[in-house]
PDB file of all heavy atoms in Angstrom:
ATOM      1  N   ALA A   1       7.829 185.290 175.928  1.00  0.00           N
ATOM      2  CA  ALA A   1       6.550 185.841 176.336  1.00  0.00           C
ATOM      3  C   ALA A   1       5.354 185.099 175.529  1.00  0.00           C
ATOM      4  O   ALA A   1       4.289 184.823 176.142  1.00  0.00           O
ATOM      5  CB  ALA A   1       6.540 187.288 176.044  1.00  0.00           C
ATOM      6  N   ALA A   2       5.683 184.807 174.307  1.00  0.00           N
ATOM      7  CA  ALA A   2       4.669 184.039 173.442  1.00  0.00           C
ATOM      8  C   ALA A   2       4.474 182.651 173.964  1.00  0.00           C
ATOM      9  O   ALA A   2       3.384 182.113 174.050  1.00  0.00           O
ATOM     10  CB  ALA A   2       5.042 184.075 172.022  1.00  0.00           C
ATOM     11  N   LEU A   3       5.570 182.057 174.378  1.00  0.00           N
ATOM     12  CA  LEU A   3       5.620 180.675 174.901  1.00  0.00           C
ATOM     13  C   LEU A   3       4.800 180.575 176.211  1.00  0.00           C
ATOM     14  O   LEU A   3       4.160 179.572 176.402  1.00  0.00           O
ATOM     15  CB  LEU A   3       7.011 180.169 175.088  1.00  0.00           C
ATOM     16  CG  LEU A   3       7.705 179.298 174.072  1.00  0.00           C
ATOM     17  CD1 LEU A   3       9.091 178.933 174.476  1.00  0.00           C
ATOM     18  CD2 LEU A   3       6.917 178.092 173.648  1.00  0.00           C
ATOM     19  N   ALA A   4       4.848 181.618 176.920  1.00  0.00           N
ATOM     20  CA  ALA A   4       4.112 181.643 178.248  1.00  0.00           C
ATOM     21  C   ALA A   4       2.622 181.373 178.049  1.00  0.00           C
ATOM     22  O   ALA A   4       2.039 180.694 178.886  1.00  0.00           O
ATOM     23  CB  ALA A   4       4.335 182.976 178.906  1.00  0.00           C
ATOM     24  N   GLU A   5       2.118 181.882 176.991  1.00  0.00           N
ATOM     25  CA  GLU A   5       0.678 181.667 176.716  1.00  0.00           C
ATOM     26  C   GLU A   5       0.397 180.337 175.974  1.00  0.00           C
ATOM     27  O   GLU A   5      -0.748 179.826 176.115  1.00  0.00           O
ATOM     28  CB  GLU A   5       0.113 182.900 175.896  1.00  0.00           C
ATOM     29  CG  GLU A   5       0.322 184.217 176.670  1.00  0.00           C
ATOM     30  CD  GLU A   5      -0.216 185.416 175.826  1.00  0.00           C
ATOM     31  OE1 GLU A   5      -0.704 185.142 174.750  1.00  0.00           O
ATOM     32  OE2 GLU A   5      -0.051 186.505 176.353  1.00  0.00           O
ATOM     33  N   GLU A   6       1.421 179.834 175.283  1.00  0.00           N
ATOM     34  CA  GLU A   6       1.208 178.652 174.509  1.00  0.00           C
ATOM     35  C   GLU A   6       1.430 177.349 175.294  1.00  0.00           C
ATOM     36  O   GLU A   6       0.831 176.317 175.068  1.00  0.00           O
ATOM     37  CB  GLU A   6       2.165 178.584 173.293  1.00  0.00           C
ATOM     38  CG  GLU A   6       1.912 179.763 172.283  1.00  0.00           C
ATOM     39  CD  GLU A   6       3.052 179.839 171.226  1.00  0.00           C
ATOM     40  OE1 GLU A   6       3.830 178.825 171.103  1.00  0.00           O
ATOM     41  OE2 GLU A   6       3.077 180.917 170.582  1.00  0.00           O
ATOM     42  N   ASN A   7       2.350 177.458 176.306  1.00  0.00           N
ATOM     43  CA  ASN A   7       2.713 176.123 176.984  1.00  0.00           C
ATOM     44  C   ASN A   7       2.789 176.485 178.518  1.00  0.00           C
ATOM     45  O   ASN A   7       3.749 177.132 178.958  1.00  0.00           O
ATOM     46  CB  ASN A   7       3.974 175.617 176.445  1.00  0.00           C
ATOM     47  CG  ASN A   7       4.254 174.270 176.861  1.00  0.00           C
ATOM     48  OD1 ASN A   7       3.877 173.813 178.046  1.00  0.00           O
ATOM     49  ND2 ASN A   7       5.009 173.444 176.039  1.00  0.00           N
ATOM     50  N   GLU A   8       1.977 175.970 179.299  1.00  0.00           N
ATOM     51  CA  GLU A   8       1.911 176.269 180.713  1.00  0.00           C
ATOM     52  C   GLU A   8       2.984 175.507 181.469  1.00  0.00           C
ATOM     53  O   GLU A   8       3.366 175.815 182.641  1.00  0.00           O
ATOM     54  CB  GLU A   8       0.539 175.949 181.306  1.00  0.00           C
ATOM     55  CG  GLU A   8       0.234 174.396 181.237  1.00  0.00           C
ATOM     56  CD  GLU A   8      -1.194 174.034 181.794  1.00  0.00           C
ATOM     57  OE1 GLU A   8      -1.930 175.070 182.189  1.00  0.00           O
ATOM     58  OE2 GLU A   8      -1.426 172.913 182.013  1.00  0.00           O
ATOM     59  N   ASN A   9       3.693 174.581 180.740  1.00  0.00           N
ATOM     60  CA  ASN A   9       4.763 173.889 181.416  1.00  0.00           C
ATOM     61  C   ASN A   9       6.112 174.623 181.347  1.00  0.00           C
ATOM     62  O   ASN A   9       7.114 174.288 182.025  1.00  0.00           O
ATOM     63  CB  ASN A   9       4.936 172.525 180.805  1.00  0.00           C
ATOM     64  CG  ASN A   9       3.837 171.519 181.312  1.00  0.00           C
ATOM     65  OD1 ASN A   9       3.402 171.565 182.401  1.00  0.00           O
ATOM     66  ND2 ASN A   9       3.390 170.692 180.369  1.00  0.00           N
ATOM     67  N   VAL A  10       6.183 175.678 180.543  1.00  0.00           N
ATOM     68  CA  VAL A  10       7.431 176.476 180.435  1.00  0.00           C
ATOM     69  C   VAL A  10       7.539 177.339 181.627  1.00  0.00           C
ATOM     70  O   VAL A  10       6.665 178.118 181.991  1.00  0.00           O
ATOM     71  CB  VAL A  10       7.327 177.337 179.158  1.00  0.00           C
ATOM     72  CG1 VAL A  10       8.535 178.328 179.108  1.00  0.00           C
ATOM     73  CG2 VAL A  10       7.333 176.437 177.867  1.00  0.00           C
ATOM     74  N   VAL A  11       8.776 177.298 182.244  1.00  0.00           N
ATOM     75  CA  VAL A  11       9.096 178.097 183.346  1.00  0.00           C
ATOM     76  C   VAL A  11      10.399 178.789 183.036  1.00  0.00           C
ATOM     77  O   VAL A  11      11.200 178.209 182.312  1.00  0.00           O
ATOM     78  CB  VAL A  11       9.191 177.327 184.690  1.00  0.00           C
ATOM     79  CG1 VAL A  11       7.785 176.736 185.099  1.00  0.00           C
ATOM     80  CG2 VAL A  11      10.247 176.188 184.591  1.00  0.00           C
ATOM     81  N   VAL A  12      10.745 179.907 183.654  1.00  0.00           N
ATOM     82  CA  VAL A  12      11.938 180.646 183.407  1.00  0.00           C
ATOM     83  C   VAL A  12      12.580 181.018 184.644  1.00  0.00           C
ATOM     84  O   VAL A  12      12.031 181.506 185.622  1.00  0.00           O
ATOM     85  CB  VAL A  12      11.575 181.885 182.582  1.00  0.00           C
ATOM     86  CG1 VAL A  12      12.821 182.741 182.293  1.00  0.00           C
ATOM     87  CG2 VAL A  12      10.947 181.562 181.128  1.00  0.00           C
ATOM     88  N   LEU A  13      13.958 180.821 184.625  1.00  0.00           N
ATOM     89  CA  LEU A  13      14.777 181.189 185.769  1.00  0.00           C
ATOM     90  C   LEU A  13      15.881 182.140 185.304  1.00  0.00           C
ATOM     91  O   LEU A  13      16.421 182.015 184.185  1.00  0.00           O
ATOM     92  CB  LEU A  13      15.478 180.010 186.428  1.00  0.00           C
ATOM     93  CG  LEU A  13      14.510 178.917 187.035  1.00  0.00           C
ATOM     94  CD1 LEU A  13      13.890 177.935 185.981  1.00  0.00           C
ATOM     95  CD2 LEU A  13      15.346 178.090 188.081  1.00  0.00           C
ATOM     96  N   ASP A  14      16.218 183.121 186.143  1.00  0.00           N
ATOM     97  CA  ASP A  14      17.202 184.115 185.681  1.00  0.00           C
ATOM     98  C   ASP A  14      18.088 184.396 186.896  1.00  0.00           C
ATOM     99  O   ASP A  14      17.657 184.351 188.022  1.00  0.00           O
ATOM    100  CB  ASP A  14      16.647 185.374 185.158  1.00  0.00           C
ATOM    101  CG  ASP A  14      17.572 186.175 184.340  1.00  0.00           C
ATOM    102  OD1 ASP A  14      18.542 186.672 184.878  1.00  0.00           O
ATOM    103  OD2 ASP A  14      17.332 186.222 183.110  1.00  0.00           O
ATOM    104  N   ALA A  15      19.449 184.646 186.598  1.00  0.00           N
ATOM    105  CA  ALA A  15      20.370 184.954 187.655  1.00  0.00           C
ATOM    106  C   ALA A  15      20.500 186.447 187.850  1.00  0.00           C
ATOM    107  O   ALA A  15      21.652 186.989 187.784  1.00  0.00           O
ATOM    108  CB  ALA A  15      21.680 184.277 187.346  1.00  0.00           C
ATOM    109  N   ASP A  16      19.411 187.082 188.184  1.00  0.00           N
ATOM    110  CA  ASP A  16      19.351 188.543 188.527  1.00  0.00           C
ATOM    111  C   ASP A  16      19.885 189.382 187.392  1.00  0.00           C
ATOM    112  O   ASP A  16      20.352 190.508 187.532  1.00  0.00           O
ATOM    113  CB  ASP A  16      20.221 188.735 189.799  1.00  0.00           C
ATOM    114  CG  ASP A  16      19.823 190.021 190.507  1.00  0.00           C
ATOM    115  OD1 ASP A  16      18.624 190.373 190.563  1.00  0.00           O
ATOM    116  OD2 ASP A  16      20.580 190.757 191.136  1.00  0.00           O
ATOM    117  N   LEU A  17      19.573 189.021 186.115  1.00  0.00           N
ATOM    118  CA  LEU A  17      19.884 189.754 184.974  1.00  0.00           C
ATOM    119  C   LEU A  17      18.758 189.825 183.973  1.00  0.00           C
ATOM    120  O   LEU A  17      18.926 190.062 182.751  1.00  0.00           O
ATOM    121  CB  LEU A  17      21.136 189.161 184.212  1.00  0.00           C
ATOM    122  CG  LEU A  17      22.427 189.268 184.952  1.00  0.00           C
ATOM    123  CD1 LEU A  17      23.452 188.351 184.369  1.00  0.00           C
ATOM    124  CD2 LEU A  17      22.925 190.688 184.970  1.00  0.00           C
ATOM    125  N   SER A  18      17.550 189.795 184.425  1.00  0.00           N
ATOM    126  CA  SER A  18      16.366 189.637 183.582  1.00  0.00           C
ATOM    127  C   SER A  18      16.197 190.848 182.627  1.00  0.00           C
ATOM    128  O   SER A  18      15.721 190.612 181.542  1.00  0.00           O
ATOM    129  CB  SER A  18      15.136 189.473 184.388  1.00  0.00           C
ATOM    130  OG  SER A  18      14.824 190.449 185.287  1.00  0.00           O
ATOM    131  N   LYS A  19      16.620 192.044 183.025  1.00  0.00           N
ATOM    132  CA  LYS A  19      16.436 193.167 182.122  1.00  0.00           C
ATOM    133  C   LYS A  19      17.433 193.112 180.928  1.00  0.00           C
ATOM    134  O   LYS A  19      17.126 193.556 179.932  1.00  0.00           O
ATOM    135  CB  LYS A  19      16.465 194.477 182.932  1.00  0.00           C
ATOM    136  CG  LYS A  19      15.386 194.752 183.799  1.00  0.00           C
ATOM    137  CD  LYS A  19      15.490 196.128 184.434  1.00  0.00           C
ATOM    138  CE  LYS A  19      14.268 196.429 185.343  1.00  0.00           C
ATOM    139  NZ  LYS A  19      14.402 197.767 186.016  1.00  0.00           N
ATOM    140  N   SER A  20      18.529 192.535 181.226  1.00  0.00           N
ATOM    141  CA  SER A  20      19.554 192.369 180.244  1.00  0.00           C
ATOM    142  C   SER A  20      19.389 191.113 179.280  1.00  0.00           C
ATOM    143  O   SER A  20      19.578 191.199 178.116  1.00  0.00           O
ATOM    144  CB  SER A  20      21.000 192.307 180.852  1.00  0.00           C
ATOM    145  OG  SER A  20      21.295 193.489 181.512  1.00  0.00           O
ATOM    146  N   THR A  21      18.974 190.099 179.932  1.00  0.00           N
ATOM    147  CA  THR A  21      18.742 188.788 179.147  1.00  0.00           C
ATOM    148  C   THR A  21      17.349 188.904 178.501  1.00  0.00           C
ATOM    149  O   THR A  21      17.101 187.943 177.699  1.00  0.00           O
ATOM    150  CB  THR A  21      18.806 187.549 180.055  1.00  0.00           C
ATOM    151  OG1 THR A  21      17.742 187.630 181.028  1.00  0.00           O
ATOM    152  CG2 THR A  21      20.158 187.480 180.820  1.00  0.00           C
ATOM    153  N   LYS A  22      16.445 189.755 178.931  1.00  0.00           N
ATOM    154  CA  LYS A  22      15.145 189.988 178.399  1.00  0.00           C
ATOM    155  C   LYS A  22      14.193 188.890 178.774  1.00  0.00           C
ATOM    156  O   LYS A  22      13.038 188.816 178.293  1.00  0.00           O
ATOM    157  CB  LYS A  22      15.190 190.043 176.833  1.00  0.00           C
ATOM    158  CG  LYS A  22      16.039 191.164 176.359  1.00  0.00           C
ATOM    159  CD  LYS A  22      15.683 192.526 176.897  1.00  0.00           C
ATOM    160  CE  LYS A  22      16.614 193.634 176.510  1.00  0.00           C
ATOM    161  NZ  LYS A  22      16.254 194.924 177.041  1.00  0.00           N
ATOM    162  N   THR A  23      14.503 188.071 179.797  1.00  0.00           N
ATOM    163  CA  THR A  23      13.474 187.179 180.409  1.00  0.00           C
ATOM    164  C   THR A  23      12.430 188.007 181.141  1.00  0.00           C
ATOM    165  O   THR A  23      11.372 187.459 181.549  1.00  0.00           O
ATOM    166  CB  THR A  23      14.129 186.216 181.361  1.00  0.00           C
ATOM    167  OG1 THR A  23      14.817 186.890 182.421  1.00  0.00           O
ATOM    168  CG2 THR A  23      15.139 185.332 180.649  1.00  0.00           C
ATOM    169  N   VAL A  24      12.656 189.280 181.408  1.00  0.00           N
ATOM    170  CA  VAL A  24      11.696 190.197 182.030  1.00  0.00           C
ATOM    171  C   VAL A  24      10.423 190.163 181.215  1.00  0.00           C
ATOM    172  O   VAL A  24       9.292 190.395 181.797  1.00  0.00           O
ATOM    173  CB  VAL A  24      12.176 191.535 182.162  1.00  0.00           C
ATOM    174  CG1 VAL A  24      12.462 192.232 180.791  1.00  0.00           C
ATOM    175  CG2 VAL A  24      11.360 192.468 182.971  1.00  0.00           C
ATOM    176  N   ASP A  25      10.533 189.894 179.950  1.00  0.00           N
ATOM    177  CA  ASP A  25       9.296 189.931 179.063  1.00  0.00           C
ATOM    178  C   ASP A  25       8.394 188.770 179.532  1.00  0.00           C
ATOM    179  O   ASP A  25       7.150 188.837 179.501  1.00  0.00           O
ATOM    180  CB  ASP A  25       9.641 189.634 177.531  1.00  0.00           C
ATOM    181  CG  ASP A  25      10.416 190.824 177.000  1.00  0.00           C
ATOM    182  OD1 ASP A  25      10.501 191.940 177.688  1.00  0.00           O
ATOM    183  OD2 ASP A  25      10.910 190.763 175.834  1.00  0.00           O
ATOM    184  N   PHE A  26       8.996 187.657 179.848  1.00  0.00           N
ATOM    185  CA  PHE A  26       8.251 186.487 180.329  1.00  0.00           C
ATOM    186  C   PHE A  26       7.674 186.708 181.679  1.00  0.00           C
ATOM    187  O   PHE A  26       6.482 186.447 182.019  1.00  0.00           O
ATOM    188  CB  PHE A  26       9.110 185.241 180.386  1.00  0.00           C
ATOM    189  CG  PHE A  26       8.468 183.909 180.797  1.00  0.00           C
ATOM    190  CD1 PHE A  26       7.928 183.124 179.914  1.00  0.00           C
ATOM    191  CD2 PHE A  26       8.214 183.642 182.161  1.00  0.00           C
ATOM    192  CE1 PHE A  26       7.280 181.825 180.259  1.00  0.00           C
ATOM    193  CE2 PHE A  26       7.688 182.490 182.593  1.00  0.00           C
ATOM    194  CZ  PHE A  26       7.080 181.569 181.590  1.00  0.00           C
ATOM    195  N   ALA A  27       8.468 187.398 182.570  1.00  0.00           N
ATOM    196  CA  ALA A  27       8.015 187.676 183.905  1.00  0.00           C
ATOM    197  C   ALA A  27       6.783 188.597 183.894  1.00  0.00           C
ATOM    198  O   ALA A  27       5.935 188.487 184.801  1.00  0.00           O
ATOM    199  CB  ALA A  27       9.159 188.378 184.657  1.00  0.00           C
ATOM    200  N   MET A  28       6.693 189.465 182.918  1.00  0.00           N
ATOM    201  CA  MET A  28       5.575 190.423 182.799  1.00  0.00           C
ATOM    202  C   MET A  28       4.275 189.704 182.537  1.00  0.00           C
ATOM    203  O   MET A  28       3.162 190.198 182.997  1.00  0.00           O
ATOM    204  CB  MET A  28       5.885 191.441 181.807  1.00  0.00           C
ATOM    205  CG  MET A  28       7.003 192.335 181.982  1.00  0.00           C
ATOM    206  SD  MET A  28       6.715 193.452 183.469  1.00  0.00           S
ATOM    207  CE  MET A  28       5.460 194.587 182.687  1.00  0.00           C
ATOM    208  N   VAL A  29       4.315 188.551 181.743  1.00  0.00           N
ATOM    209  CA  VAL A  29       3.065 187.942 181.380  1.00  0.00           C
ATOM    210  C   VAL A  29       2.745 186.669 182.248  1.00  0.00           C
ATOM    211  O   VAL A  29       1.617 186.200 182.244  1.00  0.00           O
ATOM    212  CB  VAL A  29       3.035 187.516 179.905  1.00  0.00           C
ATOM    213  CG1 VAL A  29       3.131 188.848 179.102  1.00  0.00           C
ATOM    214  CG2 VAL A  29       4.240 186.650 179.530  1.00  0.00           C
ATOM    215  N   ALA A  30       3.839 186.117 182.858  1.00  0.00           N
ATOM    216  CA  ALA A  30       3.654 184.886 183.641  1.00  0.00           C
ATOM    217  C   ALA A  30       4.537 184.919 184.856  1.00  0.00           C
ATOM    218  O   ALA A  30       5.483 184.121 185.078  1.00  0.00           O
ATOM    219  CB  ALA A  30       3.954 183.620 182.817  1.00  0.00           C
ATOM    220  N   PRO A  31       4.252 185.912 185.842  1.00  0.00           N
ATOM    221  CA  PRO A  31       5.100 186.127 186.995  1.00  0.00           C
ATOM    222  C   PRO A  31       5.093 184.864 187.890  1.00  0.00           C
ATOM    223  O   PRO A  31       6.142 184.635 188.637  1.00  0.00           O
ATOM    224  CB  PRO A  31       4.442 187.328 187.736  1.00  0.00           C
ATOM    225  CG  PRO A  31       3.065 187.376 187.167  1.00  0.00           C
ATOM    226  CD  PRO A  31       3.199 186.913 185.712  1.00  0.00           C
ATOM    227  N   GLN A  32       4.072 184.100 187.941  1.00  0.00           N
ATOM    228  CA  GLN A  32       4.078 182.912 188.726  1.00  0.00           C
ATOM    229  C   GLN A  32       4.976 181.794 188.360  1.00  0.00           C
ATOM    230  O   GLN A  32       5.172 180.899 189.028  1.00  0.00           O
ATOM    231  CB  GLN A  32       2.578 182.438 188.920  1.00  0.00           C
ATOM    232  CG  GLN A  32       1.980 181.740 187.615  1.00  0.00           C
ATOM    233  CD  GLN A  32       1.589 182.674 186.533  1.00  0.00           C
ATOM    234  OE1 GLN A  32       1.735 183.881 186.596  1.00  0.00           O
ATOM    235  NE2 GLN A  32       0.945 182.084 185.551  1.00  0.00           N
ATOM    236  N   ARG A  33       5.383 181.949 187.020  1.00  0.00           N
ATOM    237  CA  ARG A  33       6.300 180.907 186.484  1.00  0.00           C
ATOM    238  C   ARG A  33       7.669 181.447 186.185  1.00  0.00           C
ATOM    239  O   ARG A  33       8.477 180.794 185.522  1.00  0.00           O
ATOM    240  CB  ARG A  33       5.733 180.326 185.172  1.00  0.00           C
ATOM    241  CG  ARG A  33       4.520 179.387 185.420  1.00  0.00           C
ATOM    242  CD  ARG A  33       4.089 178.721 184.138  1.00  0.00           C
ATOM    243  NE  ARG A  33       3.148 179.613 183.414  1.00  0.00           N
ATOM    244  CZ  ARG A  33       3.169 179.663 182.113  1.00  0.00           C
ATOM    245  NH1 ARG A  33       3.999 179.032 181.330  1.00  0.00           N
ATOM    246  NH2 ARG A  33       2.217 180.434 181.491  1.00  0.00           N
ATOM    247  N   PHE A  34       7.969 182.572 186.774  1.00  0.00           N
ATOM    248  CA  PHE A  34       9.273 183.196 186.610  1.00  0.00           C
ATOM    249  C   PHE A  34      10.017 183.220 188.018  1.00  0.00           C
ATOM    250  O   PHE A  34       9.404 183.619 189.061  1.00  0.00           O
ATOM    251  CB  PHE A  34       9.213 184.612 186.115  1.00  0.00           C
ATOM    252  CG  PHE A  34      10.468 185.398 186.054  1.00  0.00           C
ATOM    253  CD1 PHE A  34      11.337 185.154 185.061  1.00  0.00           C
ATOM    254  CD2 PHE A  34      10.872 186.270 187.019  1.00  0.00           C
ATOM    255  CE1 PHE A  34      12.603 185.823 185.009  1.00  0.00           C
ATOM    256  CE2 PHE A  34      12.065 186.932 186.990  1.00  0.00           C
ATOM    257  CZ  PHE A  34      12.903 186.694 185.991  1.00  0.00           C
ATOM    258  N   PHE A  35      11.222 182.815 188.005  1.00  0.00           N
ATOM    259  CA  PHE A  35      12.007 182.748 189.313  1.00  0.00           C
ATOM    260  C   PHE A  35      13.411 183.465 189.165  1.00  0.00           C
ATOM    261  O   PHE A  35      14.208 183.125 188.320  1.00  0.00           O
ATOM    262  CB  PHE A  35      12.252 181.275 189.693  1.00  0.00           C
ATOM    263  CG  PHE A  35      11.001 180.539 189.772  1.00  0.00           C
ATOM    264  CD1 PHE A  35      10.533 179.762 188.675  1.00  0.00           C
ATOM    265  CD2 PHE A  35      10.123 180.567 190.875  1.00  0.00           C
ATOM    266  CE1 PHE A  35       9.372 178.993 188.718  1.00  0.00           C
ATOM    267  CE2 PHE A  35       8.998 179.847 190.948  1.00  0.00           C
ATOM    268  CZ  PHE A  35       8.577 179.118 189.877  1.00  0.00           C
ATOM    269  N   ASN A  36      13.598 184.488 189.907  1.00  0.00           N
ATOM    270  CA  ASN A  36      14.888 185.193 189.979  1.00  0.00           C
ATOM    271  C   ASN A  36      15.659 184.486 191.131  1.00  0.00           C
ATOM    272  O   ASN A  36      15.290 184.714 192.288  1.00  0.00           O
ATOM    273  CB  ASN A  36      14.682 186.695 190.191  1.00  0.00           C
ATOM    274  CG  ASN A  36      16.088 187.399 190.271  1.00  0.00           C
ATOM    275  OD1 ASN A  36      17.165 186.798 190.150  1.00  0.00           O
ATOM    276  ND2 ASN A  36      16.030 188.699 190.530  1.00  0.00           N
ATOM    277  N   VAL A  37      16.648 183.745 190.766  1.00  0.00           N
ATOM    278  CA  VAL A  37      17.444 182.990 191.773  1.00  0.00           C
ATOM    279  C   VAL A  37      18.523 183.756 192.436  1.00  0.00           C
ATOM    280  O   VAL A  37      19.262 183.227 193.317  1.00  0.00           O
ATOM    281  CB  VAL A  37      17.857 181.670 191.244  1.00  0.00           C
ATOM    282  CG1 VAL A  37      16.843 180.789 190.617  1.00  0.00           C
ATOM    283  CG2 VAL A  37      19.070 181.864 190.169  1.00  0.00           C
ATOM    284  N   GLY A  38      18.697 184.970 191.872  1.00  0.00           N
ATOM    285  CA  GLY A  38      19.900 185.765 192.318  1.00  0.00           C
ATOM    286  C   GLY A  38      21.129 185.431 191.611  1.00  0.00           C
ATOM    287  O   GLY A  38      21.170 184.690 190.645  1.00  0.00           O
ATOM    288  N   ILE A  39      22.227 185.993 192.098  1.00  0.00           N
ATOM    289  CA  ILE A  39      23.540 185.700 191.417  1.00  0.00           C
ATOM    290  C   ILE A  39      24.065 184.353 191.807  1.00  0.00           C
ATOM    291  O   ILE A  39      24.984 184.232 192.703  1.00  0.00           O
ATOM    292  CB  ILE A  39      24.584 186.867 191.770  1.00  0.00           C
ATOM    293  CG1 ILE A  39      23.914 188.138 191.356  1.00  0.00           C
ATOM    294  CG2 ILE A  39      25.845 186.621 190.958  1.00  0.00           C
ATOM    295  CD1 ILE A  39      24.780 189.354 191.829  1.00  0.00           C
ATOM    296  N   ALA A  40      23.484 183.299 191.309  1.00  0.00           N
ATOM    297  CA  ALA A  40      23.730 181.938 191.715  1.00  0.00           C
ATOM    298  C   ALA A  40      23.424 180.957 190.560  1.00  0.00           C
ATOM    299  O   ALA A  40      22.490 180.226 190.580  1.00  0.00           O
ATOM    300  CB  ALA A  40      22.848 181.572 192.909  1.00  0.00           C
ATOM    301  N   GLU A  41      24.286 181.059 189.583  1.00  0.00           N
ATOM    302  CA  GLU A  41      24.023 180.243 188.336  1.00  0.00           C
ATOM    303  C   GLU A  41      24.097 178.751 188.610  1.00  0.00           C
ATOM    304  O   GLU A  41      23.343 177.962 188.017  1.00  0.00           O
ATOM    305  CB  GLU A  41      25.162 180.646 187.299  1.00  0.00           C
ATOM    306  CG  GLU A  41      24.905 182.014 186.634  1.00  0.00           C
ATOM    307  CD  GLU A  41      25.498 183.176 187.462  1.00  0.00           C
ATOM    308  OE1 GLU A  41      26.110 182.798 188.524  1.00  0.00           O
ATOM    309  OE2 GLU A  41      25.318 184.261 187.101  1.00  0.00           O
TER     310      GLU A  41
END
């Protein structure tokens, strides 16, 4: 989440586990740079 504000080139992808992996924190502050690809690692 802190990186989202520091570096606009950082993007985050998750395999439908964002609440468990905690990438949801990034999604909350930079939703346009967060991608849930589904169960497809």
